[in-house]
C-alpha cells in the first residue's frame, strides 16, 4: 500500500543536531516556531482555544533501517516499537506541546523536541478526557 504524506508546515527549533535536542520535549522549556504553510492557514481557526497541542512531524534525519535499538539509559536492545526512539521504519515524531502564542500562521510552542527545519505533518488539540487514561 502506498501512503503519501504532505507537509503542512515547517518547524524552526533551537536544535540543529540530534545531540542538541532533549530526550523528550517536556524536559526543556526552549521555544520553537511552527510555521503552517499559507494553503493550510484556515485549518488553524479555533486553535487558540487550546493550551496544549499534539504535534506530529517527520523525523527526516532519523535512521529507518533498524528494528532494534538501545533505549535511553539501557544496556540491552529492544524492538523499536517498544520505545520512543526516532529510529523506526516510519519516523513520525509525536510531541505534546504548550501553545504560547499564535500570530497568523506562526505558532510559538514549548516542549517540542523536533530538530530545526523538520516537516510538520499535523496538529491536533490535546483533550484531557480523551488523551489521558
N, C-alpha and C. Protein backbone atom coordinates (compact mmCIF):
# COMPACT_ATOMS: atom_id res chain seq x y z
N UNK A 1 0.85 -1.17 0.00
CA UNK A 1 0.00 0.00 0.00
C UNK A 1 0.90 1.24 0.00
N UNK A 2 0.63 2.14 -0.89
CA UNK A 2 1.40 3.38 -0.99
C UNK A 2 0.71 4.46 -0.17
N UNK A 3 1.44 5.04 0.76
CA UNK A 3 0.91 6.11 1.61
C UNK A 3 1.66 7.38 1.28
N UNK A 4 0.91 8.45 1.07
CA UNK A 4 1.55 9.73 0.75
C UNK A 4 1.19 10.75 1.81
N UNK A 5 2.21 11.40 2.36
CA UNK A 5 2.02 12.48 3.31
C UNK A 5 2.38 13.79 2.64
N UNK A 6 1.74 14.85 3.08
CA UNK A 6 2.05 16.17 2.57
C UNK A 6 2.39 17.05 3.76
N UNK A 7 3.54 17.64 3.73
CA UNK A 7 3.93 18.55 4.80
C UNK A 7 2.99 19.74 4.81
N UNK A 8 2.54 20.11 6.02
CA UNK A 8 1.64 21.27 6.13
C UNK A 8 2.37 22.49 6.69
N UNK A 9 3.66 22.32 6.98
CA UNK A 9 4.43 23.43 7.54
C UNK A 9 5.85 23.00 7.85
N UNK A 10 6.54 23.88 8.54
CA UNK A 10 7.94 23.65 8.90
C UNK A 10 8.15 24.06 10.35
N UNK A 11 9.02 23.35 11.02
CA UNK A 11 9.32 23.63 12.42
C UNK A 11 10.69 24.28 12.51
N UNK A 12 10.77 25.40 13.19
CA UNK A 12 12.05 26.03 13.48
C UNK A 12 12.29 25.92 14.97
N UNK A 13 13.36 25.21 15.32
CA UNK A 13 13.68 24.97 16.72
C UNK A 13 15.14 25.32 16.97
N UNK A 14 15.53 25.40 18.24
CA UNK A 14 16.93 25.67 18.55
C UNK A 14 17.83 24.45 18.35
N UNK A 15 17.25 23.31 18.00
CA UNK A 15 18.01 22.06 17.93
C UNK A 15 18.47 21.79 16.50
N UNK A 16 19.74 22.03 16.23
CA UNK A 16 20.29 21.84 14.89
C UNK A 16 20.73 20.40 14.64
N UNK A 17 21.20 19.74 15.68
CA UNK A 17 21.71 18.37 15.58
C UNK A 17 20.98 17.48 16.58
N UNK A 18 20.96 16.18 16.29
CA UNK A 18 20.28 15.22 17.16
C UNK A 18 20.72 15.35 18.61
N UNK A 19 22.01 15.49 18.84
CA UNK A 19 22.52 15.57 20.21
C UNK A 19 22.15 16.88 20.91
N UNK A 20 21.67 17.86 20.16
CA UNK A 20 21.22 19.13 20.75
C UNK A 20 19.85 19.00 21.40
N UNK A 21 19.03 18.10 20.88
CA UNK A 21 17.64 18.02 21.33
C UNK A 21 17.51 17.25 22.63
N UNK A 22 16.49 17.58 23.42
CA UNK A 22 16.28 16.83 24.67
C UNK A 22 15.75 15.44 24.37
N UNK A 23 15.93 14.53 25.31
CA UNK A 23 15.43 13.16 25.14
C UNK A 23 13.92 13.16 24.93
N UNK A 24 13.24 14.00 25.64
CA UNK A 24 11.81 14.25 25.46
C UNK A 24 11.60 15.76 25.56
N UNK A 25 10.71 16.29 24.76
CA UNK A 25 10.48 17.73 24.74
C UNK A 25 10.10 18.32 26.08
N UNK A 26 9.40 17.57 26.89
CA UNK A 26 8.95 18.08 28.19
C UNK A 26 10.11 18.36 29.14
N UNK A 27 11.31 17.90 28.79
CA UNK A 27 12.48 18.14 29.62
C UNK A 27 13.15 19.48 29.31
N UNK A 28 12.53 20.29 28.45
CA UNK A 28 13.12 21.57 28.08
C UNK A 28 12.04 22.62 27.91
N UNK A 29 12.33 23.84 28.33
CA UNK A 29 11.40 24.95 28.14
C UNK A 29 11.80 25.82 26.95
N UNK A 30 12.72 25.33 26.11
CA UNK A 30 13.08 26.06 24.89
C UNK A 30 11.83 26.23 24.03
N UNK A 31 11.78 27.33 23.30
CA UNK A 31 10.63 27.56 22.43
C UNK A 31 10.98 27.26 20.98
N UNK A 32 9.96 26.89 20.23
CA UNK A 32 10.07 26.63 18.80
C UNK A 32 8.96 27.39 18.09
N UNK A 33 9.19 27.67 16.83
CA UNK A 33 8.18 28.31 15.99
C UNK A 33 7.74 27.31 14.94
N UNK A 34 6.44 27.06 14.89
CA UNK A 34 5.86 26.20 13.87
C UNK A 34 5.20 27.13 12.85
N UNK A 35 5.64 27.06 11.61
CA UNK A 35 5.05 27.86 10.55
C UNK A 35 4.18 26.95 9.69
N UNK A 36 2.90 27.24 9.67
CA UNK A 36 1.95 26.49 8.85
C UNK A 36 1.91 27.17 7.48
N UNK A 37 2.03 26.38 6.43
CA UNK A 37 2.00 26.94 5.08
C UNK A 37 0.67 27.64 4.83
N UNK A 38 0.71 28.71 4.03
CA UNK A 38 -0.46 29.56 3.80
C UNK A 38 -1.67 28.78 3.30
N UNK A 39 -1.46 27.74 2.51
CA UNK A 39 -2.60 26.99 1.97
C UNK A 39 -3.39 26.25 3.05
N UNK A 40 -2.80 26.14 4.26
CA UNK A 40 -3.45 25.42 5.37
C UNK A 40 -3.86 26.36 6.51
N UNK A 41 -3.73 27.65 6.32
CA UNK A 41 -3.95 28.61 7.41
C UNK A 41 -5.38 28.56 7.94
N UNK A 42 -6.36 28.27 7.09
CA UNK A 42 -7.75 28.19 7.56
C UNK A 42 -7.94 27.07 8.58
N UNK A 43 -7.08 26.07 8.53
CA UNK A 43 -7.15 24.97 9.48
C UNK A 43 -6.77 25.35 10.90
N UNK A 44 -6.20 26.54 11.08
CA UNK A 44 -5.80 27.00 12.41
C UNK A 44 -6.95 27.65 13.18
N UNK A 45 -8.06 27.91 12.50
CA UNK A 45 -9.18 28.55 13.17
C UNK A 45 -9.63 27.73 14.38
N UNK A 46 -9.76 28.37 15.52
CA UNK A 46 -10.20 27.71 16.75
C UNK A 46 -9.06 27.15 17.59
N UNK A 47 -7.85 27.11 17.04
CA UNK A 47 -6.72 26.52 17.77
C UNK A 47 -6.35 27.32 19.00
N UNK A 48 -6.61 28.62 18.98
CA UNK A 48 -6.25 29.47 20.12
C UNK A 48 -7.04 29.10 21.38
N UNK A 49 -8.07 28.28 21.24
CA UNK A 49 -8.87 27.85 22.38
C UNK A 49 -8.22 26.72 23.18
N UNK A 50 -7.07 26.26 22.72
CA UNK A 50 -6.40 25.14 23.37
C UNK A 50 -5.05 25.56 23.92
N UNK A 51 -4.73 25.09 25.10
CA UNK A 51 -3.44 25.39 25.73
C UNK A 51 -2.38 24.37 25.31
N UNK A 52 -2.80 23.14 25.08
CA UNK A 52 -1.87 22.07 24.74
C UNK A 52 -2.25 21.46 23.39
N UNK A 53 -1.20 21.12 22.62
CA UNK A 53 -1.41 20.55 21.29
C UNK A 53 -0.55 19.31 21.13
N UNK A 54 -0.98 18.42 20.26
CA UNK A 54 -0.19 17.27 19.84
C UNK A 54 0.37 17.63 18.46
N UNK A 55 1.68 17.59 18.35
CA UNK A 55 2.35 17.91 17.10
C UNK A 55 2.89 16.62 16.51
N UNK A 56 2.54 16.36 15.27
CA UNK A 56 3.08 15.22 14.53
C UNK A 56 4.02 15.78 13.47
N UNK A 57 5.22 15.25 13.44
CA UNK A 57 6.20 15.76 12.48
C UNK A 57 7.04 14.62 11.94
N UNK A 58 7.69 14.87 10.81
CA UNK A 58 8.51 13.86 10.17
C UNK A 58 9.95 14.03 10.63
N UNK A 59 10.50 12.96 11.20
CA UNK A 59 11.88 12.98 11.67
C UNK A 59 12.78 12.61 10.49
N UNK A 60 12.96 13.59 9.61
CA UNK A 60 13.58 13.36 8.31
C UNK A 60 15.05 12.96 8.37
N UNK A 61 15.71 13.14 9.50
CA UNK A 61 17.12 12.76 9.62
C UNK A 61 17.31 11.47 10.42
N UNK A 62 16.22 10.81 10.76
CA UNK A 62 16.29 9.57 11.54
C UNK A 62 16.64 8.38 10.64
N UNK A 63 17.31 7.40 11.24
CA UNK A 63 17.58 6.15 10.54
C UNK A 63 16.27 5.37 10.44
N UNK A 64 16.09 4.67 9.31
CA UNK A 64 14.84 3.95 9.09
C UNK A 64 15.03 2.44 8.92
N UNK A 65 16.26 1.97 9.07
CA UNK A 65 16.54 0.58 8.73
C UNK A 65 16.83 -0.31 9.94
N UNK A 66 16.55 0.16 11.13
CA UNK A 66 16.80 -0.65 12.33
C UNK A 66 15.49 -0.98 13.02
N UNK A 67 15.40 -2.22 13.48
CA UNK A 67 14.20 -2.64 14.20
C UNK A 67 14.48 -2.88 15.68
N UNK A 68 15.76 -2.82 16.07
CA UNK A 68 16.13 -2.94 17.48
C UNK A 68 17.09 -1.80 17.82
N UNK A 69 16.87 -1.21 18.99
CA UNK A 69 17.69 -0.08 19.44
C UNK A 69 17.96 -0.20 20.93
N UNK A 70 18.93 0.57 21.39
CA UNK A 70 19.18 0.69 22.82
C UNK A 70 18.30 1.83 23.35
N UNK A 71 17.29 1.56 24.16
CA UNK A 71 16.51 2.65 24.74
C UNK A 71 17.40 3.53 25.61
N UNK A 72 17.01 4.76 25.77
CA UNK A 72 17.79 5.72 26.56
C UNK A 72 18.11 5.15 27.94
N UNK A 73 19.39 5.13 28.27
CA UNK A 73 19.82 4.68 29.59
C UNK A 73 19.86 3.17 29.78
N UNK A 74 19.55 2.40 28.75
CA UNK A 74 19.51 0.93 28.87
C UNK A 74 20.73 0.32 28.20
N UNK A 75 21.04 -0.93 28.56
CA UNK A 75 22.21 -1.61 28.01
C UNK A 75 21.84 -2.77 27.09
N UNK A 76 20.55 -3.06 26.97
CA UNK A 76 20.11 -4.13 26.08
C UNK A 76 19.18 -3.57 25.02
N UNK A 77 19.32 -4.10 23.80
CA UNK A 77 18.46 -3.65 22.71
C UNK A 77 17.04 -4.17 22.89
N UNK A 78 16.10 -3.36 22.38
CA UNK A 78 14.68 -3.75 22.35
C UNK A 78 14.13 -3.40 20.98
N UNK A 79 12.97 -3.94 20.68
CA UNK A 79 12.30 -3.60 19.44
C UNK A 79 11.89 -2.13 19.44
N UNK A 80 12.04 -1.46 18.29
CA UNK A 80 11.75 -0.01 18.22
C UNK A 80 10.32 0.32 18.61
N UNK A 81 9.40 -0.60 18.40
CA UNK A 81 8.00 -0.29 18.70
C UNK A 81 7.71 -0.29 20.20
N UNK A 82 8.68 -0.74 21.00
CA UNK A 82 8.54 -0.67 22.45
C UNK A 82 9.32 0.51 23.02
N UNK A 83 9.73 1.43 22.14
CA UNK A 83 10.50 2.61 22.56
C UNK A 83 9.92 3.86 21.91
N UNK A 84 10.44 4.99 22.32
CA UNK A 84 10.09 6.27 21.69
C UNK A 84 11.22 6.78 20.79
N UNK A 85 12.16 5.91 20.48
CA UNK A 85 13.32 6.28 19.67
C UNK A 85 12.87 6.78 18.30
N UNK A 86 13.58 7.76 17.75
CA UNK A 86 13.25 8.25 16.40
C UNK A 86 13.61 7.24 15.32
N UNK A 87 14.50 6.31 15.64
CA UNK A 87 14.90 5.28 14.68
C UNK A 87 13.74 4.30 14.54
N UNK A 88 13.12 4.28 13.34
CA UNK A 88 11.98 3.40 13.10
C UNK A 88 11.65 3.42 11.62
N UNK A 89 10.87 2.44 11.13
CA UNK A 89 10.56 2.40 9.71
C UNK A 89 9.88 3.67 9.19
N UNK A 90 8.96 4.21 9.96
CA UNK A 90 8.29 5.47 9.60
C UNK A 90 8.53 6.45 10.74
N UNK A 91 9.54 7.30 10.61
CA UNK A 91 9.94 8.16 11.73
C UNK A 91 9.00 9.35 11.95
N UNK A 92 7.84 9.03 12.48
CA UNK A 92 6.85 10.07 12.79
C UNK A 92 7.08 10.52 14.23
N UNK A 93 7.35 11.80 14.39
CA UNK A 93 7.51 12.37 15.72
C UNK A 93 6.16 12.75 16.29
N UNK A 94 6.00 12.54 17.58
CA UNK A 94 4.75 12.82 18.31
C UNK A 94 5.16 13.59 19.55
N UNK A 95 4.66 14.80 19.72
CA UNK A 95 5.10 15.59 20.85
C UNK A 95 3.93 16.42 21.40
N UNK A 96 3.75 16.36 22.70
CA UNK A 96 2.79 17.22 23.39
C UNK A 96 3.48 18.54 23.67
N UNK A 97 2.88 19.64 23.24
CA UNK A 97 3.48 20.96 23.44
C UNK A 97 2.50 21.89 24.13
N UNK A 98 3.05 22.95 24.71
CA UNK A 98 2.22 24.02 25.25
C UNK A 98 2.22 25.15 24.23
N UNK A 99 1.05 25.59 23.84
CA UNK A 99 0.90 26.69 22.90
C UNK A 99 1.07 28.00 23.66
N UNK A 100 2.06 28.79 23.26
CA UNK A 100 2.32 30.06 23.92
C UNK A 100 1.72 31.24 23.18
N UNK A 101 1.67 31.15 21.83
CA UNK A 101 1.18 32.27 21.04
C UNK A 101 0.87 31.81 19.62
N UNK A 102 -0.12 32.45 19.02
CA UNK A 102 -0.41 32.28 17.60
C UNK A 102 -0.39 33.67 16.97
N UNK A 103 0.38 33.83 15.91
CA UNK A 103 0.41 35.07 15.15
C UNK A 103 0.28 34.70 13.68
N UNK A 104 -0.94 34.84 13.16
CA UNK A 104 -1.27 34.44 11.79
C UNK A 104 -0.98 32.95 11.61
N UNK A 105 0.05 32.60 10.85
CA UNK A 105 0.34 31.19 10.58
C UNK A 105 1.54 30.68 11.39
N UNK A 106 1.95 31.42 12.40
CA UNK A 106 3.10 31.03 13.22
C UNK A 106 2.66 30.72 14.65
N UNK A 107 3.00 29.52 15.10
CA UNK A 107 2.67 29.09 16.45
C UNK A 107 3.97 29.03 17.25
N UNK A 108 3.99 29.70 18.39
CA UNK A 108 5.12 29.60 19.30
C UNK A 108 4.75 28.59 20.36
N UNK A 109 5.60 27.58 20.53
CA UNK A 109 5.32 26.48 21.47
C UNK A 109 6.56 26.18 22.29
N UNK A 110 6.33 25.51 23.43
CA UNK A 110 7.46 24.94 24.17
C UNK A 110 7.22 23.45 24.33
N UNK A 111 8.29 22.74 24.66
CA UNK A 111 8.32 21.29 24.86
C UNK A 111 8.48 20.49 23.56
N UNK A 112 8.66 21.14 22.44
CA UNK A 112 8.82 20.42 21.18
C UNK A 112 10.26 19.96 21.03
N UNK A 113 10.45 18.68 20.73
CA UNK A 113 11.81 18.13 20.62
C UNK A 113 12.28 17.97 19.18
N UNK A 114 11.58 18.51 18.23
CA UNK A 114 11.92 18.36 16.81
C UNK A 114 13.19 19.11 16.45
N UNK A 115 13.94 18.54 15.52
CA UNK A 115 15.11 19.24 15.00
C UNK A 115 14.67 20.40 14.11
N UNK A 116 15.53 21.40 14.02
CA UNK A 116 15.25 22.57 13.19
C UNK A 116 14.97 22.14 11.75
N UNK A 117 13.95 22.74 11.17
CA UNK A 117 13.50 22.52 9.80
C UNK A 117 12.86 21.16 9.58
N UNK A 118 12.35 20.54 10.64
CA UNK A 118 11.59 19.30 10.48
C UNK A 118 10.25 19.60 9.83
N UNK A 119 9.80 18.74 8.91
CA UNK A 119 8.50 18.94 8.27
C UNK A 119 7.35 18.65 9.25
N UNK A 120 6.38 19.54 9.25
CA UNK A 120 5.17 19.37 10.08
C UNK A 120 4.17 18.51 9.33
N UNK A 121 3.64 17.49 10.01
CA UNK A 121 2.64 16.60 9.40
C UNK A 121 1.23 16.98 9.82
N UNK A 122 1.03 17.26 11.12
CA UNK A 122 -0.33 17.53 11.59
C UNK A 122 -0.28 18.19 12.96
N UNK A 123 -1.38 18.83 13.31
CA UNK A 123 -1.59 19.45 14.62
C UNK A 123 -2.95 18.98 15.12
N UNK A 124 -2.98 18.54 16.36
CA UNK A 124 -4.25 18.12 16.96
C UNK A 124 -4.35 18.72 18.35
N UNK A 125 -5.53 19.14 18.77
CA UNK A 125 -5.67 19.63 20.14
C UNK A 125 -5.57 18.47 21.12
N UNK A 126 -4.94 18.74 22.25
CA UNK A 126 -4.90 17.77 23.34
C UNK A 126 -6.18 17.91 24.14
N UNK A 127 -6.88 16.81 24.31
CA UNK A 127 -8.09 16.79 25.13
C UNK A 127 -7.84 15.84 26.28
N UNK A 128 -7.81 16.37 27.47
CA UNK A 128 -7.51 15.58 28.66
C UNK A 128 -8.46 14.38 28.79
N UNK A 129 -9.74 14.57 28.50
CA UNK A 129 -10.69 13.48 28.67
C UNK A 129 -10.51 12.36 27.65
N UNK A 130 -9.80 12.62 26.54
CA UNK A 130 -9.55 11.60 25.53
C UNK A 130 -8.11 11.09 25.55
N UNK A 131 -7.17 11.97 25.83
CA UNK A 131 -5.76 11.65 25.67
C UNK A 131 -5.08 11.20 26.96
N UNK A 132 -5.81 11.11 28.05
CA UNK A 132 -5.28 10.57 29.32
C UNK A 132 -6.18 9.44 29.77
N UNK A 133 -5.56 8.43 30.33
CA UNK A 133 -6.36 7.28 30.80
C UNK A 133 -6.85 7.58 32.20
